[in-house]
N, C-alpha and C. Protein backbone atom coordinates (compact mmCIF):
# COMPACT_ATOMS: atom_id res chain seq x y z
N MET A 1 -9.28 -6.65 11.99
CA MET A 1 -8.52 -7.80 12.09
C MET A 1 -8.99 -7.66 14.50
N THR A 2 -9.26 -9.00 15.03
CA THR A 2 -9.22 -8.15 15.94
C THR A 2 -8.46 -7.86 17.29
N GLN A 3 -8.85 -7.22 18.15
CA GLN A 3 -7.52 -7.19 18.65
C GLN A 3 -7.32 -8.59 19.64
N TYR A 4 -7.14 -8.97 20.20
CA TYR A 4 -6.68 -9.85 20.37
C TYR A 4 -5.50 -10.60 19.30
N GLU A 5 -5.75 -10.91 18.09
CA GLU A 5 -5.18 -11.13 16.61
C GLU A 5 -3.34 -9.79 16.41
N MET A 6 -4.90 -8.91 16.42
CA MET A 6 -3.28 -7.66 16.56
C MET A 6 -2.72 -7.41 17.80
N THR A 7 -2.69 -7.87 19.23
CA THR A 7 -1.98 -8.05 20.20
C THR A 7 -0.99 -9.31 19.54
N GLU A 8 -1.93 -10.89 19.02
CA GLU A 8 -0.60 -11.74 19.33
C GLU A 8 0.41 -11.44 17.83
N ASN A 9 -0.22 -10.63 17.43
CA ASN A 9 0.83 -10.33 15.71
C ASN A 9 1.34 -9.64 16.06
N LEU A 10 1.50 -8.27 16.73
CA LEU A 10 3.12 -7.72 18.02
C LEU A 10 3.33 -8.83 18.40
N SER A 11 3.43 -9.38 19.32
CA SER A 11 3.97 -9.53 20.82
C SER A 11 4.94 -10.25 19.87
N LYS A 12 4.39 -11.21 18.48
CA LYS A 12 5.23 -12.28 17.69
C LYS A 12 6.51 -11.12 16.75
N LYS A 13 6.10 -10.83 16.64
CA LYS A 13 6.79 -9.35 15.20
C LYS A 13 8.41 -8.97 16.50
N CYS A 14 7.53 -8.38 17.25
CA CYS A 14 7.95 -7.95 18.49
C CYS A 14 8.97 -8.54 19.85
N ASP A 15 8.36 -9.82 19.43
CA ASP A 15 9.28 -10.83 20.14
C ASP A 15 9.24 -10.23 21.69
N VAL A 16 7.75 -10.11 22.08
CA VAL A 16 7.67 -8.95 23.70
C VAL A 16 6.62 -9.95 23.80
N THR A 17 6.24 -9.83 25.79
CA THR A 17 4.95 -10.47 25.93
C THR A 17 3.81 -10.09 25.17
N LEU A 18 2.82 -11.10 25.37
CA LEU A 18 1.15 -10.31 25.02
C LEU A 18 0.46 -8.98 25.52
N GLU A 19 1.54 -10.00 26.94
CA GLU A 19 0.86 -8.50 27.95
C GLU A 19 1.84 -7.47 27.19
N GLU A 20 2.81 -7.55 27.54
CA GLU A 20 3.48 -5.68 27.18
C GLU A 20 2.40 -5.40 25.68
N ALA A 21 2.73 -6.50 24.47
CA ALA A 21 1.57 -5.74 23.83
C ALA A 21 0.94 -5.26 23.57
N ARG A 22 -0.64 -5.49 23.92
CA ARG A 22 -1.36 -5.45 24.49
C ARG A 22 -1.74 -3.82 25.35
N SER A 23 -0.44 -3.85 26.53
CA SER A 23 -0.51 -2.54 26.91
C SER A 23 0.48 -1.16 25.74
N ALA A 24 0.91 -2.04 24.55
CA ALA A 24 1.70 -0.67 23.58
C ALA A 24 0.64 -0.34 22.65
N LEU A 25 -0.28 -1.50 22.03
CA LEU A 25 -1.65 -1.48 21.80
C LEU A 25 -2.32 -0.34 22.95
N GLU A 26 -2.56 -0.73 23.28
CA GLU A 26 -3.19 -0.14 24.48
C GLU A 26 -3.15 1.68 24.44
N ALA A 27 -1.61 1.32 24.43
CA ALA A 27 -1.15 3.63 24.87
C ALA A 27 -1.06 3.19 23.52
N GLY A 28 -1.26 2.81 22.30
CA GLY A 28 -1.46 3.49 20.83
C GLY A 28 -2.84 3.62 20.52
N ASP A 29 -3.35 3.96 21.27
CA ASP A 29 -4.67 3.61 20.74
C ASP A 29 -5.33 2.43 19.31
N TRP A 30 -4.30 1.09 20.06
CA TRP A 30 -4.08 0.21 19.04
C TRP A 30 -3.98 0.25 17.22
N ASN A 31 -3.09 0.80 17.12
CA ASN A 31 -2.03 1.85 16.37
C ASN A 31 -1.21 0.97 16.46
N THR A 32 -1.75 0.10 15.42
CA THR A 32 -0.01 -0.83 15.23
C THR A 32 1.08 -0.38 14.83
N LEU A 33 1.24 0.86 14.31
CA LEU A 33 2.34 1.14 14.03
C LEU A 33 3.07 1.54 15.05
N THR A 34 2.36 3.10 15.99
CA THR A 34 2.38 3.26 17.36
C THR A 34 3.17 1.80 17.54
N ALA A 35 1.93 1.55 17.92
CA ALA A 35 2.67 0.54 19.29
C ALA A 35 4.39 -0.07 18.79
N THR A 36 4.15 -0.01 17.60
CA THR A 36 5.82 -0.95 17.44
C THR A 36 6.58 0.49 17.92
N HIS A 37 5.99 1.69 17.35
CA HIS A 37 7.27 2.38 17.96
C HIS A 37 7.47 3.05 19.26
N LEU A 38 6.86 2.92 20.08
CA LEU A 38 6.31 2.26 21.74
C LEU A 38 7.48 0.92 22.31
N LEU A 39 7.60 -0.03 21.34
CA LEU A 39 7.82 -1.31 22.09
C LEU A 39 9.32 -1.15 21.61
N GLU A 40 9.33 -0.05 20.87
CA GLU A 40 10.77 -0.05 20.42
C GLU A 40 11.94 1.08 21.57
N GLN A 41 10.84 2.24 21.54
CA GLN A 41 11.35 2.87 22.28
C GLN A 41 12.49 2.32 24.06
N GLU A 42 10.88 1.04 24.45
CA GLU A 42 11.48 0.85 25.35
C GLU A 42 12.29 -0.26 26.10
N GLN A 43 12.57 -1.19 24.50
CA GLN A 43 13.51 -1.90 24.30
C GLN A 43 14.92 -0.78 24.26
N PHE A 44 14.87 -0.16 23.97
CA PHE A 44 16.16 0.37 23.94
C PHE A 44 16.58 1.62 24.98
N ARG A 45 15.56 2.20 26.17
CA ARG A 45 15.57 2.16 26.94
C ARG A 45 16.31 1.03 28.03
N ARG A 46 16.09 -0.26 27.61
CA ARG A 46 15.65 -0.87 27.69
C ARG A 46 17.42 -1.33 28.18
N MET A 47 17.47 -1.29 26.52
CA MET A 47 19.57 -2.09 26.42
C MET A 47 19.72 -0.92 26.54
N ARG A 48 19.92 0.01 26.83
CA ARG A 48 20.77 1.56 27.63
C ARG A 48 21.14 0.85 28.81
N GLU A 49 19.27 1.07 29.36
CA GLU A 49 19.73 0.59 31.05
C GLU A 49 20.68 -0.30 31.32
N LEU A 50 20.97 -1.50 30.97
CA LEU A 50 22.18 -2.09 30.18
C LEU A 50 23.59 -2.50 30.73
N ASN A 51 23.47 -1.37 29.11
CA ASN A 51 25.07 -0.40 28.67
C ASN A 51 25.41 -0.45 30.64
N GLU A 52 25.08 1.13 30.55
CA GLU A 52 25.05 1.58 32.37
C GLU A 52 25.07 0.78 33.37
N PHE A 53 24.52 -0.01 32.98
CA PHE A 53 24.81 -1.65 34.64
C PHE A 53 25.75 -2.11 33.50
N ALA A 54 26.26 -2.01 33.08
CA ALA A 54 27.82 -2.58 32.74
C ALA A 54 28.54 -2.54 33.06
N GLU A 55 28.95 -1.22 32.00
CA GLU A 55 29.72 -0.18 32.58
C GLU A 55 29.78 0.21 33.97
N GLY A 56 29.32 -0.07 35.06
CA GLY A 56 29.01 0.36 35.93
C GLY A 56 30.05 -0.34 36.36
N GLY A 57 29.50 -1.42 36.34
CA GLY A 57 29.97 -3.11 37.20
C GLY A 57 30.85 -3.60 36.67
N GLU A 58 31.74 -2.55 36.46
CA GLU A 58 33.04 -3.46 35.78
C GLU A 58 33.56 -3.34 37.33
N ALA A 59 34.11 -2.43 37.71
CA ALA A 59 34.46 -2.57 38.83
C ALA A 59 33.88 -3.33 39.50
N ALA A 60 32.67 -3.97 39.75
CA ALA A 60 32.53 -4.99 40.49
C ALA A 60 32.44 -6.62 39.64
N ALA A 61 32.84 -6.33 39.10
CA ALA A 61 32.84 -7.89 38.53
C ALA A 61 34.21 -7.93 38.55
N VAL A 62 35.60 -6.92 38.77
CA VAL A 62 36.30 -7.86 39.18
C VAL A 62 36.89 -8.34 40.39
N GLN A 63 35.66 -7.85 41.27
CA GLN A 63 36.05 -8.03 43.08
C GLN A 63 35.02 -10.02 43.33
N ALA A 64 33.99 -9.77 41.93
CA ALA A 64 33.03 -10.59 42.46
C ALA A 64 33.87 -12.01 42.70
N ALA A 65 32.94 -13.04 43.06
CA ALA A 65 33.33 -14.80 43.85
C ALA A 65 33.53 -15.14 42.34
N PRO A 66 34.37 -16.90 42.66
CA PRO A 66 34.30 -17.15 41.66
C PRO A 66 32.80 -17.92 40.93
N GLU A 67 31.88 -18.32 42.34
CA GLU A 67 30.66 -18.63 41.94
C GLU A 67 29.88 -17.97 40.92
N ALA A 68 30.05 -16.17 40.56
CA ALA A 68 29.90 -16.14 40.20
C ALA A 68 30.31 -16.23 38.33
N GLU A 69 31.51 -16.40 38.49
CA GLU A 69 32.20 -16.78 36.21
C GLU A 69 31.46 -18.07 36.48
N ALA A 70 30.48 -19.38 37.27
CA ALA A 70 30.54 -21.07 36.90
C ALA A 70 28.74 -20.00 37.00
N ALA A 71 28.45 -19.36 37.35
CA ALA A 71 27.04 -19.18 37.22
C ALA A 71 27.04 -18.64 35.60
N GLU A 72 27.88 -17.72 35.15
CA GLU A 72 27.72 -17.48 33.50
C GLU A 72 28.41 -18.25 32.83
N ALA A 73 29.38 -19.17 33.10
CA ALA A 73 29.68 -20.13 32.48
C ALA A 73 28.50 -20.88 32.08
N GLU A 74 27.51 -20.97 32.82
CA GLU A 74 26.42 -22.07 32.83
C GLU A 74 25.07 -21.63 31.77
N ALA A 75 25.02 -20.41 31.53
CA ALA A 75 23.87 -19.33 31.08
C ALA A 75 24.11 -19.38 29.48
N PRO A 76 23.57 -20.00 28.84
CA PRO A 76 23.52 -20.22 27.45
C PRO A 76 23.37 -19.11 27.03
N GLU A 77 22.83 -18.27 27.44
CA GLU A 77 23.36 -17.02 25.82
C GLU A 77 23.37 -15.76 26.77
N ALA A 78 24.79 -15.84 27.32
CA ALA A 78 25.28 -14.21 28.39
C ALA A 78 25.10 -13.09 27.13
N PRO A 79 24.80 -11.87 27.56
CA PRO A 79 24.49 -10.68 27.04
C PRO A 79 25.79 -10.53 26.56
N THR A 80 25.91 -10.06 25.42
CA THR A 80 27.28 -9.27 24.85
C THR A 80 28.51 -8.41 25.62
N VAL A 81 29.17 -7.72 24.96
CA VAL A 81 29.87 -6.90 25.63
C VAL A 81 29.08 -5.12 26.08
N GLU A 82 28.14 -5.46 24.93
CA GLU A 82 27.48 -3.83 24.88
C GLU A 82 26.31 -4.00 25.90
N GLY A 83 25.90 -4.64 26.27
CA GLY A 83 24.55 -4.83 27.42
C GLY A 83 23.31 -5.81 26.61
N VAL A 84 24.04 -6.28 25.38
CA VAL A 84 22.15 -7.29 24.42
C VAL A 84 22.81 -7.74 23.92
N ARG A 85 22.32 -8.83 23.66
CA ARG A 85 22.05 -10.09 22.83
C ARG A 85 21.91 -10.00 21.96
N PRO A 86 22.52 -9.77 20.66
CA PRO A 86 22.73 -9.99 19.08
C PRO A 86 21.15 -10.82 18.37
N GLU A 87 20.44 -12.02 19.36
CA GLU A 87 19.29 -11.91 18.62
C GLU A 87 17.59 -11.11 18.87
N ARG A 88 18.41 -10.39 20.30
CA ARG A 88 17.38 -9.50 20.52
C ARG A 88 17.61 -8.04 19.42
N VAL A 89 19.30 -7.36 19.09
CA VAL A 89 18.71 -7.19 18.14
C VAL A 89 18.51 -7.23 16.75
N GLU A 90 18.43 -8.05 16.36
CA GLU A 90 17.76 -8.37 15.05
C GLU A 90 17.06 -8.68 15.00
N LYS A 91 15.80 -8.94 16.52
CA LYS A 91 14.62 -9.12 16.34
C LYS A 91 13.52 -7.41 16.31
N ALA A 92 14.89 -6.73 16.73
CA ALA A 92 14.12 -5.42 16.80
C ALA A 92 14.26 -4.71 16.04
N ARG A 93 15.55 -5.09 15.22
CA ARG A 93 15.58 -4.68 13.68
C ARG A 93 14.02 -5.31 12.89
N ARG A 94 13.83 -6.02 12.62
CA ARG A 94 12.97 -7.06 12.49
C ARG A 94 11.62 -6.33 12.82
N CYS A 95 11.87 -6.30 13.52
CA CYS A 95 10.33 -5.79 14.02
C CYS A 95 10.22 -3.64 13.31
N HIS A 96 11.13 -3.24 13.45
CA HIS A 96 10.90 -1.76 13.18
C HIS A 96 11.35 -1.74 11.78
N GLY A 97 11.75 -2.71 10.61
CA GLY A 97 11.70 -3.17 8.83
C GLY A 97 10.17 -3.11 9.32
N GLN A 98 9.75 -4.33 10.10
CA GLN A 98 8.08 -3.95 9.69
C GLN A 98 7.31 -3.23 10.26
N GLY A 99 7.41 -2.28 10.86
CA GLY A 99 6.49 -1.10 10.87
C GLY A 99 6.54 -0.01 9.89
N PHE A 100 7.93 -0.41 8.71
CA PHE A 100 8.08 0.33 7.85
C PHE A 100 7.10 -0.02 7.31
N LYS A 101 7.58 -0.90 6.74
CA LYS A 101 6.31 -2.16 5.79
C LYS A 101 4.94 -1.68 5.88
N ASN A 102 4.48 -1.98 7.61
CA ASN A 102 3.84 -1.93 7.13
C ASN A 102 3.01 -0.39 6.42
N LEU A 103 4.02 -0.26 7.51
CA LEU A 103 3.45 1.73 6.77
C LEU A 103 3.19 2.21 4.89
N GLY A 104 4.32 1.83 4.77
CA GLY A 104 4.93 1.08 3.28
C GLY A 104 2.94 0.96 2.35
N GLU A 105 2.15 -0.23 2.92
CA GLU A 105 1.34 -1.45 2.42
C GLU A 105 0.47 -0.71 3.04
N HIS A 106 0.02 1.02 4.01
CA HIS A 106 -0.86 1.23 3.83
C HIS A 106 -1.60 2.58 2.59
N LEU A 107 0.05 2.64 2.92
CA LEU A 107 0.43 4.08 2.26
C LEU A 107 0.27 3.83 0.87
N ARG A 108 0.26 2.11 -0.16
CA ARG A 108 0.08 1.94 -1.32
C ARG A 108 -1.66 2.26 -1.03
N ARG A 109 -2.67 1.57 -0.12
CA ARG A 109 -3.91 1.48 0.14
C ARG A 109 -4.13 1.99 -0.71
N LEU A 110 -3.00 2.81 0.47
CA LEU A 110 -4.53 4.37 0.27
C LEU A 110 -4.09 5.39 -0.85
N VAL A 111 -3.36 5.33 -1.20
CA VAL A 111 -3.33 5.57 -2.77
C VAL A 111 -4.25 5.23 -3.95
N ALA A 112 -3.87 2.99 -3.51
CA ALA A 112 -5.19 2.64 -4.52
C ALA A 112 -5.93 3.59 -4.76
N CYS A 113 -6.32 3.33 -3.13
CA CYS A 113 -7.74 3.62 -3.31
C CYS A 113 -8.58 4.69 -3.44
N GLY A 114 -7.90 6.12 -3.56
CA GLY A 114 -8.31 7.52 -4.27
C GLY A 114 -7.85 7.81 -5.39
N ASN A 115 -7.08 6.75 -6.48
CA ASN A 115 -7.58 6.51 -7.59
C ASN A 115 -8.35 5.69 -8.15
N ARG A 116 -9.07 4.94 -6.70
CA ARG A 116 -10.70 4.59 -7.90
C ARG A 116 -11.33 5.05 -7.69
N ASN A 117 -10.79 5.84 -6.66
CA ASN A 117 -12.69 7.37 -6.39
C ASN A 117 -12.07 8.30 -7.41
N ARG A 118 -13.41 9.24 -7.97
CA ARG A 118 -12.85 10.08 -8.55
C ARG A 118 -13.66 11.46 -8.66
N PHE A 119 -13.43 12.25 -8.19
CA PHE A 119 -13.64 13.57 -7.38
C PHE A 119 -14.33 14.84 -8.76
N ALA A 120 -16.02 14.85 -8.24
CA ALA A 120 -16.16 15.51 -9.64
C ALA A 120 -16.37 16.60 -9.57
N VAL A 121 -16.46 17.55 -10.26
CA VAL A 121 -17.40 18.93 -10.67
C VAL A 121 -18.26 19.63 -11.93
N ARG A 122 -19.41 19.49 -11.35
CA ARG A 122 -20.86 20.07 -12.53
C ARG A 122 -21.47 20.94 -12.38
N LYS A 123 -21.95 22.07 -13.55
CA LYS A 123 -22.68 22.66 -13.37
C LYS A 123 -23.18 22.64 -13.90
N GLY A 124 -25.06 22.64 -13.76
CA GLY A 124 -25.56 22.88 -14.79
C GLY A 124 -26.24 21.49 -15.62
N GLY A 125 -25.38 20.61 -15.07
CA GLY A 125 -25.20 18.84 -15.92
C GLY A 125 -24.44 18.95 -15.95
N GLU A 126 -23.20 20.10 -16.55
CA GLU A 126 -22.41 19.42 -17.50
C GLU A 126 -21.57 19.51 -16.38
N SER A 127 -20.52 18.53 -16.84
CA SER A 127 -19.15 17.83 -16.51
C SER A 127 -18.12 19.14 -16.94
N LEU A 128 -17.75 19.87 -15.57
CA LEU A 128 -15.88 20.51 -15.82
C LEU A 128 -15.22 20.58 -15.38
N LEU A 129 -15.21 19.47 -14.43
CA LEU A 129 -13.79 18.77 -14.57
C LEU A 129 -14.25 17.53 -13.45
N GLU A 130 -13.07 16.51 -13.64
CA GLU A 130 -13.38 15.72 -13.29
C GLU A 130 -11.81 14.41 -13.18
N MET A 131 -11.21 14.18 -11.12
CA MET A 131 -10.31 13.47 -11.51
C MET A 131 -10.14 12.41 -10.15
N PRO A 132 -8.54 12.07 -10.20
CA PRO A 132 -9.05 10.91 -9.16
C PRO A 132 -8.39 12.04 -7.90
N VAL A 133 -9.44 10.90 -6.99
CA VAL A 133 -9.39 11.68 -5.66
C VAL A 133 -7.95 11.88 -4.60
N THR A 134 -6.95 11.15 -5.27
CA THR A 134 -5.75 11.40 -4.96
C THR A 134 -5.27 12.61 -5.59
N ALA A 135 -5.33 13.08 -6.98
CA ALA A 135 -4.75 14.19 -7.54
C ALA A 135 -5.73 15.17 -6.58
N LEU A 136 -6.75 14.64 -5.73
CA LEU A 136 -7.20 16.17 -5.36
C LEU A 136 -7.32 16.69 -3.63
N ALA A 137 -6.19 15.75 -3.68
CA ALA A 137 -5.58 14.93 -1.67
C ALA A 137 -4.09 15.84 -1.58
N VAL A 138 -3.68 15.60 -2.85
CA VAL A 138 -2.25 16.04 -3.19
C VAL A 138 -2.75 17.31 -3.41
N LEU A 139 -2.91 18.12 -4.80
CA LEU A 139 -3.96 19.51 -4.76
C LEU A 139 -3.89 20.66 -3.72
N LEU A 140 -4.75 19.66 -2.50
CA LEU A 140 -4.71 20.36 -0.91
C LEU A 140 -3.34 20.11 -0.35
N LEU A 141 -3.50 19.38 0.41
CA LEU A 141 -2.01 19.62 0.76
C LEU A 141 -1.06 20.47 0.13
N CYS A 142 -0.78 20.64 -1.30
CA CYS A 142 0.30 21.75 -2.14
C CYS A 142 -0.26 23.05 -2.09
N ALA A 143 -0.72 23.47 -2.11
CA ALA A 143 -2.27 24.92 -2.32
C ALA A 143 -3.48 24.51 -1.39
N PHE A 144 -3.41 24.68 0.04
CA PHE A 144 -4.94 24.51 0.14
C PHE A 144 -4.74 25.66 0.34
N TRP A 145 -4.62 26.53 0.72
CA TRP A 145 -5.01 28.42 0.91
C TRP A 145 -5.45 28.90 -1.19
N VAL A 146 -5.13 27.42 -1.47
CA VAL A 146 -6.51 28.07 -3.22
C VAL A 146 -6.81 27.38 -3.30
N CYS A 147 -6.15 26.20 -2.80
CA CYS A 147 -7.94 25.47 -3.66
C CYS A 147 -9.12 25.04 -2.81
N VAL A 148 -9.05 25.74 -1.14
CA VAL A 148 -10.20 25.86 -0.86
C VAL A 148 -11.25 27.46 -1.02
N PRO A 149 -9.96 27.94 -1.59
CA PRO A 149 -11.20 29.22 -2.26
C PRO A 149 -12.06 29.36 -3.05
N LEU A 150 -11.11 28.99 -4.09
CA LEU A 150 -12.08 28.23 -5.09
C LEU A 150 -12.70 27.24 -4.49
N LEU A 151 -13.11 26.06 -3.58
CA LEU A 151 -13.82 25.38 -3.91
C LEU A 151 -15.32 25.93 -3.23
N VAL A 152 -14.62 27.04 -2.71
CA VAL A 152 -15.93 27.59 -2.18
C VAL A 152 -17.02 28.61 -2.95
N ILE A 153 -16.06 28.80 -3.59
CA ILE A 153 -16.04 30.31 -4.46
C ILE A 153 -17.29 29.62 -5.53
N GLY A 154 -16.33 28.35 -5.93
CA GLY A 154 -17.73 27.34 -7.31
C GLY A 154 -18.67 26.47 -6.49
N LEU A 155 -18.98 26.67 -5.22
CA LEU A 155 -19.98 26.78 -4.20
C LEU A 155 -21.65 27.92 -4.88
N PHE A 156 -20.20 28.91 -5.21
CA PHE A 156 -21.04 30.17 -4.75
C PHE A 156 -21.43 30.10 -6.29
N ALA A 157 -20.37 29.63 -7.53
CA ALA A 157 -21.01 30.01 -9.09
C ALA A 157 -22.04 28.91 -9.00
N GLY A 158 -22.53 28.18 -8.54
CA GLY A 158 -23.76 27.32 -9.16
C GLY A 158 -23.05 25.41 -9.29
N CYS A 159 -21.22 25.45 -9.22
CA CYS A 159 -20.28 24.90 -8.76
C CYS A 159 -21.35 22.99 -8.35
N ARG A 160 -21.59 22.01 -7.91
CA ARG A 160 -21.71 20.98 -7.29
C ARG A 160 -20.98 19.52 -7.27
N TYR A 161 -20.30 19.57 -6.38
CA TYR A 161 -19.49 18.71 -6.26
C TYR A 161 -19.83 17.19 -5.81
N SER A 162 -19.12 16.45 -6.67
CA SER A 162 -19.88 14.59 -5.62
C SER A 162 -18.49 13.93 -5.67
N PHE A 163 -18.41 12.92 -5.88
CA PHE A 163 -16.81 11.30 -6.21
C PHE A 163 -18.05 10.67 -6.30
N ALA A 164 -17.36 9.24 -6.68
CA ALA A 164 -17.73 8.35 -7.41
C ALA A 164 -16.98 7.35 -6.92
N GLY A 165 -17.40 6.02 -6.99
CA GLY A 165 -16.13 4.62 -6.60
C GLY A 165 -17.52 3.73 -6.09
N LYS A 166 -16.10 3.18 -5.43
CA LYS A 166 -16.83 1.73 -4.30
C LYS A 166 -16.82 2.32 -3.38
N GLU A 167 -15.85 3.28 -3.05
CA GLU A 167 -15.25 3.53 -1.65
C GLU A 167 -16.44 4.93 -1.28
N LEU A 168 -16.23 5.76 -1.53
CA LEU A 168 -16.83 7.47 -1.73
C LEU A 168 -17.75 7.62 -2.50
N GLY A 169 -18.53 6.07 -3.25
CA GLY A 169 -19.06 7.17 -4.16
C GLY A 169 -21.03 6.89 -3.69
N ARG A 170 -20.38 6.50 -2.53
CA ARG A 170 -21.88 6.32 -1.27
C ARG A 170 -22.70 8.09 -1.09
N ASP A 171 -24.31 7.27 -1.14
CA ASP A 171 -25.46 8.37 -0.94
C ASP A 171 -25.07 10.27 0.05
N ASP A 172 -24.00 8.74 1.70
CA ASP A 172 -24.16 9.95 2.60
C ASP A 172 -22.84 10.79 2.37
N VAL A 173 -21.56 10.91 2.03
CA VAL A 173 -21.05 11.82 1.12
C VAL A 173 -21.90 12.63 0.48
N ASN A 174 -21.79 12.50 -0.83
CA ASN A 174 -22.30 12.84 -1.66
C ASN A 174 -23.64 13.64 -1.31
N GLY A 175 -24.30 13.52 -0.21
CA GLY A 175 -25.43 13.71 0.39
C GLY A 175 -25.03 15.12 1.17
N VAL A 176 -23.79 15.28 1.92
CA VAL A 176 -23.87 15.90 2.12
C VAL A 176 -22.42 16.90 1.71
N LEU A 177 -21.69 16.75 0.23
CA LEU A 177 -21.76 17.61 -0.44
C LEU A 177 -23.11 18.83 -0.77
N GLY A 178 -23.98 17.77 -1.54
CA GLY A 178 -24.89 18.30 -1.96
C GLY A 178 -26.19 19.70 -0.97
N LYS A 179 -25.98 18.72 0.59
CA LYS A 179 -26.50 20.22 1.53
C LYS A 179 -25.24 21.61 1.51
N ALA A 180 -24.04 21.12 0.98
CA ALA A 180 -23.20 22.67 1.24
C ALA A 180 -23.74 22.92 0.08
N ALA A 181 -23.51 22.58 -1.50
CA ALA A 181 -24.37 22.83 -2.20
C ALA A 181 -25.27 24.15 -1.80
N ASP A 182 -26.82 23.03 -1.66
CA ASP A 182 -28.15 23.74 -1.22
C ASP A 182 -28.08 25.20 -0.12
N ALA A 183 -26.29 24.91 0.69
CA ALA A 183 -26.69 25.90 1.75
C ALA A 183 -26.12 27.03 1.16
N ALA A 184 -25.14 27.32 -0.61
CA ALA A 184 -24.97 27.98 -0.82
C ALA A 184 -26.20 28.26 -1.84
N ASP A 185 -26.70 28.02 -2.27
CA ASP A 185 -27.56 28.92 -2.66
C ASP A 185 -29.28 29.29 -1.66
N ARG A 186 -28.81 29.39 -1.02
CA ARG A 186 -29.93 29.63 0.34
C ARG A 186 -28.78 30.81 0.13
N VAL A 187 -27.73 31.52 0.56
CA VAL A 187 -27.31 32.57 1.12
C VAL A 187 -27.21 33.20 -0.14
N LYS A 188 -26.42 32.81 -1.18
CA LYS A 188 -26.91 33.35 -2.26
C LYS A 188 -28.26 34.35 -2.84
N GLN A 189 -29.34 33.80 -2.22
CA GLN A 189 -30.65 34.48 -2.93
C GLN A 189 -31.64 35.01 -1.22
N ALA A 190 -30.88 34.68 0.05
CA ALA A 190 -30.36 35.52 0.40
C ALA A 190 -29.94 37.00 0.76
N ALA A 191 -28.49 37.14 0.56
CA ALA A 191 -28.63 38.02 -0.84
C ALA A 191 -29.28 39.48 -1.45
N ARG A 192 -29.70 38.33 -2.75
CA ARG A 192 -30.41 39.20 -3.20
C ARG A 192 -31.51 39.25 -2.71
N ALA A 193 -32.20 38.79 -1.74
CA ALA A 193 -33.71 39.81 -1.75
C ALA A 193 -33.25 40.84 -1.03
């Protein structure tokens, strides 16, 4: 998706100008979820200012001229008592809900990608272990200080690691893992000598 398309989509979802959407995306390093959050914070700040203005301006409103009442009657969408138009609140809620929906969609895709790709441990041409990358990621998140030392020990025990699958089964990814195994072999040989 191009930057313009991202800007246009965010502008529509959050009911802001293209300029505001682009500024939020640039501030959020072109991450739609971050930009949505920034826009929500800005909308919240504006709502709070309107509320404070409405509360502070009640005394002045009593002393206002009848012309102000006529101008207010002509306004088709006057702010509510809280100082925020209901349609703006609803659009902000939809924008916020859309952010969570997008996050959920990204997580779903990430898990699906992890399930399509596999992590394999081999020693001497024999497969010792094979698991989905999602399972490896969960293990690393839950037991990082156990898994990483085991992976390093496995390298020095002669194990070779590789990925298989459409996204991760590439030569460049597996080449890095092969280089790590070769480096461990060199360290072992240097220690023996």
